[in-house]
Amino acid sequence: MNTPQLPLALRTPPDQRFEAFHGQAAVRDAVAAAACGESGDWLYLSGVAGSGKTHLLLAACAEAAALDRRAAYLPLAAFAGRLAEALAAQEGAGLLCLDGLEAIAGHREDEEALFHFHNRARASGAVVLYAARGNPAALGLTLPDLVTRLGQCVRLLMEPLDDAGRREVLRQRAARRGLELDEAVLDYLLRRVDRDLASLTALLDRLDKASLAAQRRITIPFLRDLI
C-alpha cells in the first residue's frame, strides 16, 4: 500500500480547508501559521472524535502544498504495525501531520519508530502536527521517552461544536453542493443522525446524489424515505 502523500491541494475537498472550519479560531490560526511557515511550533491537537482535528490537519497540508512546501498527512490507524516504513517515506518533508496517535498505542515497534522519527524531524527543521483523542499520558503509550517528546509540543485542546455550530457547518457545506436545506430539514438531521461532522458530511453527499437522481428537493418526507 502506498503512503498517502501530498500534494493534497488538488485532492482535499473544500469542506476540509481553513476557511470551512467552524471551531476555535485560535486553534485554527495556530495550525495555519504552522502550515504556511510563519510558526515553527510543533502542535499537538487533542479532542474527541468530531472536534475537527482531521479537518485542520488536512487543511494544513493543502495550504502548505499550495505554497510549494512539501507536506504529508498520515492517518496512523492505516499504518499500525508498519509505521517505520511509512515515516521513512516522508523524510525531507517540511510539514508532517500525524493523525490518530492512539492507533499505535501499545505497538512497541511503532512507538519506537515514531520516537526516532520525532528526533530526526526536530534535527532537520521540519514541523510536525500531531492529533489524538487524549493527551500523551492518557493514550496508553508504552514508551516513556515518546510520551515525554509529545509532551513538549504546544498542546491545543479542541472542543466539539455545539448545535448552532453544527447547523452552520451543515448549511454551508450543503450550499457548496448546491443544496438548499430549510430550518425544518436541518432540525430533522441534527435530531436523527449521528452528530459528528464526518457522519453529517457523508450524509450530505448521499443527499446530494439521491436528490439529483430523484430530481426532488430535500424535504422531511424525502429524508424519511432515504434514512
C-alpha atoms as a PDB file:
ATOM      1  CA  MET A   1       0.000   0.000   0.000  1.00  0.00           C
ATOM      2  CA  ASN A   2       1.462   3.357  -0.951  1.00  0.00           C
ATOM      3  CA  THR A   3       1.849   6.008   1.702  1.00  0.00           C
ATOM      4  CA  PRO A   4      -0.673   8.859   1.298  1.00  0.00           C
ATOM      5  CA  GLN A   5       1.415  11.816   0.255  1.00  0.00           C
ATOM      6  CA  LEU A   6       0.896  15.329  -0.996  1.00  0.00           C
ATOM      7  CA  PRO A   7       0.357  17.438  -2.979  1.00  0.00           C
ATOM      8  CA  LEU A   8      -3.093  17.264  -1.441  1.00  0.00           C
ATOM      9  CA  ALA A   9      -4.016  20.747  -2.649  1.00  0.00           C
ATOM     10  CA  LEU A  10      -5.853  19.221  -5.598  1.00  0.00           C
ATOM     11  CA  ARG A  11      -7.372  16.337  -3.640  1.00  0.00           C
ATOM     12  CA  THR A  12      -8.501  17.941  -0.424  1.00  0.00           C
ATOM     13  CA  PRO A  13     -12.184  18.856  -0.774  1.00  0.00           C
ATOM     14  CA  PRO A  14     -13.368  22.389   0.020  1.00  0.00           C
ATOM     15  CA  ASP A  15     -15.011  21.055   3.196  1.00  0.00           C
ATOM     16  CA  GLN A  16     -11.532  20.413   4.612  1.00  0.00           C
ATOM     17  CA  ARG A  17      -9.953  23.849   4.151  1.00  0.00           C
ATOM     18  CA  PHE A  18      -9.245  26.502   6.762  1.00  0.00           C
ATOM     19  CA  GLU A  19     -11.997  28.789   5.502  1.00  0.00           C
ATOM     20  CA  ALA A  20     -14.533  25.997   6.029  1.00  0.00           C
ATOM     21  CA  PHE A  21     -13.505  25.361   9.636  1.00  0.00           C
ATOM     22  CA  HIS A  22     -16.058  26.317  12.271  1.00  0.00           C
ATOM     23  CA  GLY A  23     -14.418  25.950  15.633  1.00  0.00           C
ATOM     24  CA  GLN A  24     -11.922  27.679  17.878  1.00  0.00           C
ATOM     25  CA  ALA A  25     -10.319  30.463  15.868  1.00  0.00           C
ATOM     26  CA  ALA A  26      -7.173  30.424  17.993  1.00  0.00           C
ATOM     27  CA  VAL A  27      -6.555  26.743  17.214  1.00  0.00           C
ATOM     28  CA  ARG A  28      -7.217  27.271  13.508  1.00  0.00           C
ATOM     29  CA  ASP A  29      -4.839  30.230  13.410  1.00  0.00           C
ATOM     30  CA  ALA A  30      -2.067  28.318  15.166  1.00  0.00           C
ATOM     31  CA  VAL A  31      -2.346  25.443  12.698  1.00  0.00           C
ATOM     32  CA  ALA A  32      -2.487  27.842   9.747  1.00  0.00           C
ATOM     33  CA  ALA A  33       0.666  29.601  10.941  1.00  0.00           C
ATOM     34  CA  ALA A  34       2.485  26.277  11.086  1.00  0.00           C
ATOM     35  CA  ALA A  35       1.194  25.315   7.649  1.00  0.00           C
ATOM     36  CA  CYS A  36       2.436  28.432   5.902  1.00  0.00           C
ATOM     37  CA  GLY A  37       5.765  28.556   7.730  1.00  0.00           C
ATOM     38  CA  GLU A  38       5.028  31.593   9.879  1.00  0.00           C
ATOM     39  CA  SER A  39       5.486  29.478  13.003  1.00  0.00           C
ATOM     40  CA  GLY A  40       7.900  26.694  13.775  1.00  0.00           C
ATOM     41  CA  ASP A  41       5.847  25.421  16.717  1.00  0.00           C
ATOM     42  CA  TRP A  42       5.118  21.720  16.847  1.00  0.00           C
ATOM     43  CA  LEU A  43       1.450  21.296  17.744  1.00  0.00           C
ATOM     44  CA  TYR A  44      -0.469  18.550  19.498  1.00  0.00           C
ATOM     45  CA  LEU A  45      -4.225  18.690  18.858  1.00  0.00           C
ATOM     46  CA  SER A  46      -6.344  16.734  21.296  1.00  0.00           C
ATOM     47  CA  GLY A  47     -10.091  16.301  21.328  1.00  0.00           C
ATOM     48  CA  VAL A  48     -12.906  13.818  20.948  1.00  0.00           C
ATOM     49  CA  ALA A  49     -13.949  12.402  17.594  1.00  0.00           C
ATOM     50  CA  GLY A  50     -15.709  15.031  15.520  1.00  0.00           C
ATOM     51  CA  SER A  51     -13.969  18.021  17.087  1.00  0.00           C
ATOM     52  CA  GLY A  52     -12.200  18.937  13.835  1.00  0.00           C
ATOM     53  CA  LYS A  53      -8.692  17.529  14.284  1.00  0.00           C
ATOM     54  CA  THR A  54      -8.544  15.773  10.916  1.00  0.00           C
ATOM     55  CA  HIS A  55     -10.117  18.794   9.214  1.00  0.00           C
ATOM     56  CA  LEU A  56      -7.311  21.051  10.426  1.00  0.00           C
ATOM     57  CA  LEU A  57      -4.533  18.597   9.567  1.00  0.00           C
ATOM     58  CA  LEU A  58      -5.842  18.181   6.014  1.00  0.00           C
ATOM     59  CA  ALA A  59      -6.285  21.936   5.707  1.00  0.00           C
ATOM     60  CA  ALA A  60      -2.697  22.438   6.860  1.00  0.00           C
ATOM     61  CA  CYS A  61      -1.385  20.031   4.237  1.00  0.00           C
ATOM     62  CA  ALA A  62      -3.412  21.648   1.483  1.00  0.00           C
ATOM     63  CA  GLU A  63      -2.225  25.113   2.490  1.00  0.00           C
ATOM     64  CA  ALA A  64       1.411  24.033   2.645  1.00  0.00           C
ATOM     65  CA  ALA A  65       1.216  22.286  -0.726  1.00  0.00           C
ATOM     66  CA  ALA A  66      -0.364  25.372  -2.300  1.00  0.00           C
ATOM     67  CA  LEU A  67       2.752  27.251  -1.164  1.00  0.00           C
ATOM     68  CA  ASP A  68       5.010  24.629  -2.791  1.00  0.00           C
ATOM     69  CA  ARG A  69       6.009  23.302   0.582  1.00  0.00           C
ATOM     70  CA  ARG A  70       6.343  19.536   0.748  1.00  0.00           C
ATOM     71  CA  ALA A  71       3.816  18.181   3.222  1.00  0.00           C
ATOM     72  CA  ALA A  72       2.344  14.830   4.162  1.00  0.00           C
ATOM     73  CA  TYR A  73      -0.699  13.588   6.047  1.00  0.00           C
ATOM     74  CA  LEU A  74      -0.535  10.170   7.703  1.00  0.00           C
ATOM     75  CA  PRO A  75      -3.584   8.572   9.359  1.00  0.00           C
ATOM     76  CA  LEU A  76      -1.725   6.333  11.781  1.00  0.00           C
ATOM     77  CA  ALA A  77      -4.520   3.772  12.005  1.00  0.00           C
ATOM     78  CA  ALA A  78      -3.748   2.860   8.389  1.00  0.00           C
ATOM     79  CA  PHE A  79      -0.104   2.121   9.213  1.00  0.00           C
ATOM     80  CA  ALA A  80      -0.272   0.396  12.586  1.00  0.00           C
ATOM     81  CA  GLY A  81       2.354  -2.330  12.646  1.00  0.00           C
ATOM     82  CA  ARG A  82       4.428  -0.840   9.831  1.00  0.00           C
ATOM     83  CA  LEU A  83       4.840   2.769  10.799  1.00  0.00           C
ATOM     84  CA  ALA A  84       8.624   2.832  10.360  1.00  0.00           C
ATOM     85  CA  GLU A  85       8.242   2.248   6.614  1.00  0.00           C
ATOM     86  CA  ALA A  86       5.575   4.929   6.260  1.00  0.00           C
ATOM     87  CA  LEU A  87       7.588   7.509   8.164  1.00  0.00           C
ATOM     88  CA  ALA A  88      10.770   6.750   6.236  1.00  0.00           C
ATOM     89  CA  ALA A  89       8.943   7.631   3.019  1.00  0.00           C
ATOM     90  CA  GLN A  90       8.307  11.139   4.363  1.00  0.00           C
ATOM     91  CA  GLU A  91      11.872  12.075   5.236  1.00  0.00           C
ATOM     92  CA  GLY A  92      12.599  15.556   3.938  1.00  0.00           C
ATOM     93  CA  ALA A  93       9.036  16.869   4.136  1.00  0.00           C
ATOM     94  CA  GLY A  94       8.735  20.328   5.655  1.00  0.00           C
ATOM     95  CA  LEU A  95       5.354  19.676   7.275  1.00  0.00           C
ATOM     96  CA  LEU A  96       4.078  16.353   8.562  1.00  0.00           C
ATOM     97  CA  CYS A  97       0.620  15.807  10.007  1.00  0.00           C
ATOM     98  CA  LEU A  98       0.204  12.608  12.013  1.00  0.00           C
ATOM     99  CA  ASP A  99      -3.403  11.811  12.846  1.00  0.00           C
ATOM    100  CA  GLY A 100      -4.779   9.365  15.409  1.00  0.00           C
ATOM    101  CA  LEU A 101      -1.831   8.681  17.701  1.00  0.00           C
ATOM    102  CA  GLU A 102      -3.997   6.403  19.817  1.00  0.00           C
ATOM    103  CA  ALA A 103      -3.913   3.845  16.975  1.00  0.00           C
ATOM    104  CA  ILE A 104      -0.298   2.906  17.689  1.00  0.00           C
ATOM    105  CA  ALA A 105      -0.513   2.854  21.484  1.00  0.00           C
ATOM    106  CA  GLY A 106       0.837  -0.464  22.712  1.00  0.00           C
ATOM    107  CA  HIS A 107       2.602  -1.263  19.430  1.00  0.00           C
ATOM    108  CA  ARG A 108       6.170  -1.111  20.680  1.00  0.00           C
ATOM    109  CA  GLU A 109       7.848  -1.112  17.256  1.00  0.00           C
ATOM    110  CA  ASP A 110       5.575   1.674  16.018  1.00  0.00           C
ATOM    111  CA  GLU A 111       6.176   3.731  19.135  1.00  0.00           C
ATOM    112  CA  GLU A 112       9.931   3.369  18.757  1.00  0.00           C
ATOM    113  CA  ALA A 113       9.711   4.289  15.061  1.00  0.00           C
ATOM    114  CA  LEU A 114       7.759   7.421  15.944  1.00  0.00           C
ATOM    115  CA  PHE A 115      10.199   8.334  18.698  1.00  0.00           C
ATOM    116  CA  HIS A 116      13.185   8.163  16.351  1.00  0.00           C
ATOM    117  CA  PHE A 117      11.267   9.948  13.595  1.00  0.00           C
ATOM    118  CA  HIS A 118      10.352  12.726  16.019  1.00  0.00           C
ATOM    119  CA  ASN A 119      14.027  13.248  16.873  1.00  0.00           C
ATOM    120  CA  ARG A 120      15.122  13.226  13.224  1.00  0.00           C
ATOM    121  CA  ALA A 121      12.400  15.671  12.228  1.00  0.00           C
ATOM    122  CA  ARG A 122      13.432  18.045  15.022  1.00  0.00           C
ATOM    123  CA  ALA A 123      17.020  17.935  13.842  1.00  0.00           C
ATOM    124  CA  SER A 124      16.036  18.560  10.222  1.00  0.00           C
ATOM    125  CA  GLY A 125      13.944  21.646  11.000  1.00  0.00           C
ATOM    126  CA  ALA A 126      10.663  20.112   9.888  1.00  0.00           C
ATOM    127  CA  VAL A 127       7.366  20.956  11.603  1.00  0.00           C
ATOM    128  CA  VAL A 128       5.158  18.149  12.877  1.00  0.00           C
ATOM    129  CA  LEU A 129       1.500  18.400  13.843  1.00  0.00           C
ATOM    130  CA  TYR A 130       0.045  15.583  15.937  1.00  0.00           C
ATOM    131  CA  ALA A 131      -3.592  14.772  16.629  1.00  0.00           C
ATOM    132  CA  ALA A 132      -5.072  12.364  19.157  1.00  0.00           C
ATOM    133  CA  ARG A 133      -8.184  11.834  21.242  1.00  0.00           C
ATOM    134  CA  GLY A 134      -6.363  12.488  24.501  1.00  0.00           C
ATOM    135  CA  ASN A 135      -3.205  13.939  25.958  1.00  0.00           C
ATOM    136  CA  PRO A 136       0.053  11.972  25.542  1.00  0.00           C
ATOM    137  CA  ALA A 137      -0.023  10.458  29.026  1.00  0.00           C
ATOM    138  CA  ALA A 138      -3.588   9.175  28.530  1.00  0.00           C
ATOM    139  CA  LEU A 139      -3.087   7.332  25.234  1.00  0.00           C
ATOM    140  CA  GLY A 140      -1.671   4.124  26.665  1.00  0.00           C
ATOM    141  CA  LEU A 141       1.749   4.562  25.069  1.00  0.00           C
ATOM    142  CA  THR A 142       4.346   2.192  26.495  1.00  0.00           C
ATOM    143  CA  LEU A 143       7.477   4.165  25.599  1.00  0.00           C
ATOM    144  CA  PRO A 144       8.035   6.845  28.272  1.00  0.00           C
ATOM    145  CA  ASP A 145      10.514   8.781  26.120  1.00  0.00           C
ATOM    146  CA  LEU A 146       7.891   9.136  23.378  1.00  0.00           C
ATOM    147  CA  VAL A 147       5.366  10.457  25.897  1.00  0.00           C
ATOM    148  CA  THR A 148       7.961  12.992  27.006  1.00  0.00           C
ATOM    149  CA  ARG A 149       8.674  14.120  23.435  1.00  0.00           C
ATOM    150  CA  LEU A 150       4.989  14.517  22.652  1.00  0.00           C
ATOM    151  CA  GLY A 151       4.506  16.463  25.867  1.00  0.00           C
ATOM    152  CA  GLN A 152       6.989  19.062  24.624  1.00  0.00           C
ATOM    153  CA  CYS A 153       4.662  20.085  21.776  1.00  0.00           C
ATOM    154  CA  VAL A 154       2.294  23.027  22.109  1.00  0.00           C
ATOM    155  CA  ARG A 155      -0.960  21.391  23.166  1.00  0.00           C
ATOM    156  CA  LEU A 156      -4.246  22.634  21.761  1.00  0.00           C
ATOM    157  CA  LEU A 157      -7.469  21.255  23.198  1.00  0.00           C
ATOM    158  CA  MET A 158     -10.310  21.122  20.694  1.00  0.00           C
ATOM    159  CA  GLU A 159     -13.931  21.261  21.791  1.00  0.00           C
ATOM    160  CA  PRO A 160     -16.734  19.735  19.709  1.00  0.00           C
ATOM    161  CA  LEU A 161     -19.153  22.120  18.044  1.00  0.00           C
ATOM    162  CA  ASP A 162     -22.449  22.874  19.716  1.00  0.00           C
ATOM    163  CA  ASP A 163     -25.742  22.522  17.842  1.00  0.00           C
ATOM    164  CA  ALA A 164     -25.585  26.056  16.484  1.00  0.00           C
ATOM    165  CA  GLY A 165     -22.114  25.379  15.109  1.00  0.00           C
ATOM    166  CA  ARG A 166     -23.154  22.071  13.543  1.00  0.00           C
ATOM    167  CA  ARG A 167     -26.161  23.774  11.978  1.00  0.00           C
ATOM    168  CA  GLU A 168     -23.965  26.439  10.382  1.00  0.00           C
ATOM    169  CA  VAL A 169     -21.489  23.860   9.088  1.00  0.00           C
ATOM    170  CA  LEU A 170     -24.304  21.809   7.584  1.00  0.00           C
ATOM    171  CA  ARG A 171     -25.831  24.876   5.965  1.00  0.00           C
ATOM    172  CA  GLN A 172     -22.547  25.992   4.400  1.00  0.00           C
ATOM    173  CA  ARG A 173     -21.466  22.546   3.261  1.00  0.00           C
ATOM    174  CA  ALA A 174     -24.888  21.991   1.718  1.00  0.00           C
ATOM    175  CA  ALA A 175     -24.650  25.328  -0.086  1.00  0.00           C
ATOM    176  CA  ARG A 176     -21.300  24.316  -1.603  1.00  0.00           C
ATOM    177  CA  ARG A 177     -23.080  21.291  -3.063  1.00  0.00           C
ATOM    178  CA  GLY A 178     -25.916  23.410  -4.387  1.00  0.00           C
ATOM    179  CA  LEU A 179     -28.360  22.023  -1.818  1.00  0.00           C
ATOM    180  CA  GLU A 180     -30.975  24.113  -0.074  1.00  0.00           C
ATOM    181  CA  LEU A 181     -31.807  22.934   3.439  1.00  0.00           C
ATOM    182  CA  ASP A 182     -34.526  24.793   5.290  1.00  0.00           C
ATOM    183  CA  GLU A 183     -34.594  25.056   9.069  1.00  0.00           C
ATOM    184  CA  ALA A 184     -37.033  22.145   9.484  1.00  0.00           C
ATOM    185  CA  VAL A 185     -34.735  19.858   7.473  1.00  0.00           C
ATOM    186  CA  LEU A 186     -31.713  20.955   9.500  1.00  0.00           C
ATOM    187  CA  ASP A 187     -33.616  20.268  12.727  1.00  0.00           C
ATOM    188  CA  TYR A 188     -34.568  16.816  11.454  1.00  0.00           C
ATOM    189  CA  LEU A 189     -30.979  15.950  10.517  1.00  0.00           C
ATOM    190  CA  LEU A 190     -29.492  17.148  13.795  1.00  0.00           C
ATOM    191  CA  ARG A 191     -32.043  15.167  15.820  1.00  0.00           C
ATOM    192  CA  ARG A 192     -31.959  11.866  13.951  1.00  0.00           C
ATOM    193  CA  VAL A 193     -28.487  11.164  12.603  1.00  0.00           C
ATOM    194  CA  ASP A 194     -25.014  10.850  14.104  1.00  0.00           C
ATOM    195  CA  ARG A 195     -23.980  14.295  15.231  1.00  0.00           C
ATOM    196  CA  ASP A 196     -20.275  14.201  14.384  1.00  0.00           C
ATOM    197  CA  LEU A 197     -19.298  16.245  11.340  1.00  0.00           C
ATOM    198  CA  ALA A 198     -17.844  13.316   9.426  1.00  0.00           C
ATOM    199  CA  SER A 199     -21.186  11.481   9.554  1.00  0.00           C
ATOM    200  CA  LEU A 200     -23.151  14.610   8.713  1.00  0.00           C
ATOM    201  CA  THR A 201     -20.896  15.371   5.743  1.00  0.00           C
ATOM    202  CA  ALA A 202     -21.194  11.803   4.475  1.00  0.00           C
ATOM    203  CA  LEU A 203     -24.972  12.147   4.725  1.00  0.00           C
ATOM    204  CA  LEU A 204     -24.856  15.377   2.719  1.00  0.00           C
ATOM    205  CA  ASP A 205     -23.040  13.507  -0.045  1.00  0.00           C
ATOM    206  CA  ARG A 206     -25.789  10.861  -0.024  1.00  0.00           C
ATOM    207  CA  LEU A 207     -28.488  13.526  -0.111  1.00  0.00           C
ATOM    208  CA  ASP A 208     -26.783  15.295  -2.996  1.00  0.00           C
ATOM    209  CA  LYS A 209     -26.692  12.136  -5.106  1.00  0.00           C
ATOM    210  CA  ALA A 210     -30.157  10.965  -4.113  1.00  0.00           C
ATOM    211  CA  SER A 211     -31.879  14.299  -4.736  1.00  0.00           C
ATOM    212  CA  LEU A 212     -30.178  14.614  -8.112  1.00  0.00           C
ATOM    213  CA  ALA A 213     -31.162  11.094  -9.119  1.00  0.00           C
ATOM    214  CA  ALA A 214     -34.764  11.573  -7.973  1.00  0.00           C
ATOM    215  CA  GLN A 215     -34.981  15.172  -9.184  1.00  0.00           C
ATOM    216  CA  ARG A 216     -36.518  16.086  -5.834  1.00  0.00           C
ATOM    217  CA  ARG A 217     -35.942  18.845  -3.326  1.00  0.00           C
ATOM    218  CA  ILE A 218     -34.718  17.761   0.077  1.00  0.00           C
ATOM    219  CA  THR A 219     -37.742  17.755   2.334  1.00  0.00           C
ATOM    220  CA  ILE A 220     -38.578  15.861   5.503  1.00  0.00           C
ATOM    221  CA  PRO A 221     -40.645  13.236   3.611  1.00  0.00           C
ATOM    222  CA  PHE A 222     -37.685  12.767   1.264  1.00  0.00           C
ATOM    223  CA  LEU A 223     -35.367  12.311   4.260  1.00  0.00           C
ATOM    224  CA  ARG A 224     -37.724   9.779   5.831  1.00  0.00           C
ATOM    225  CA  ASP A 225     -37.561   7.704   2.649  1.00  0.00           C
ATOM    226  CA  LEU A 226     -33.786   7.938   2.463  1.00  0.00           C
ATOM    227  CA  ILE A 227     -32.631   7.490   6.058  1.00  0.00           C
END
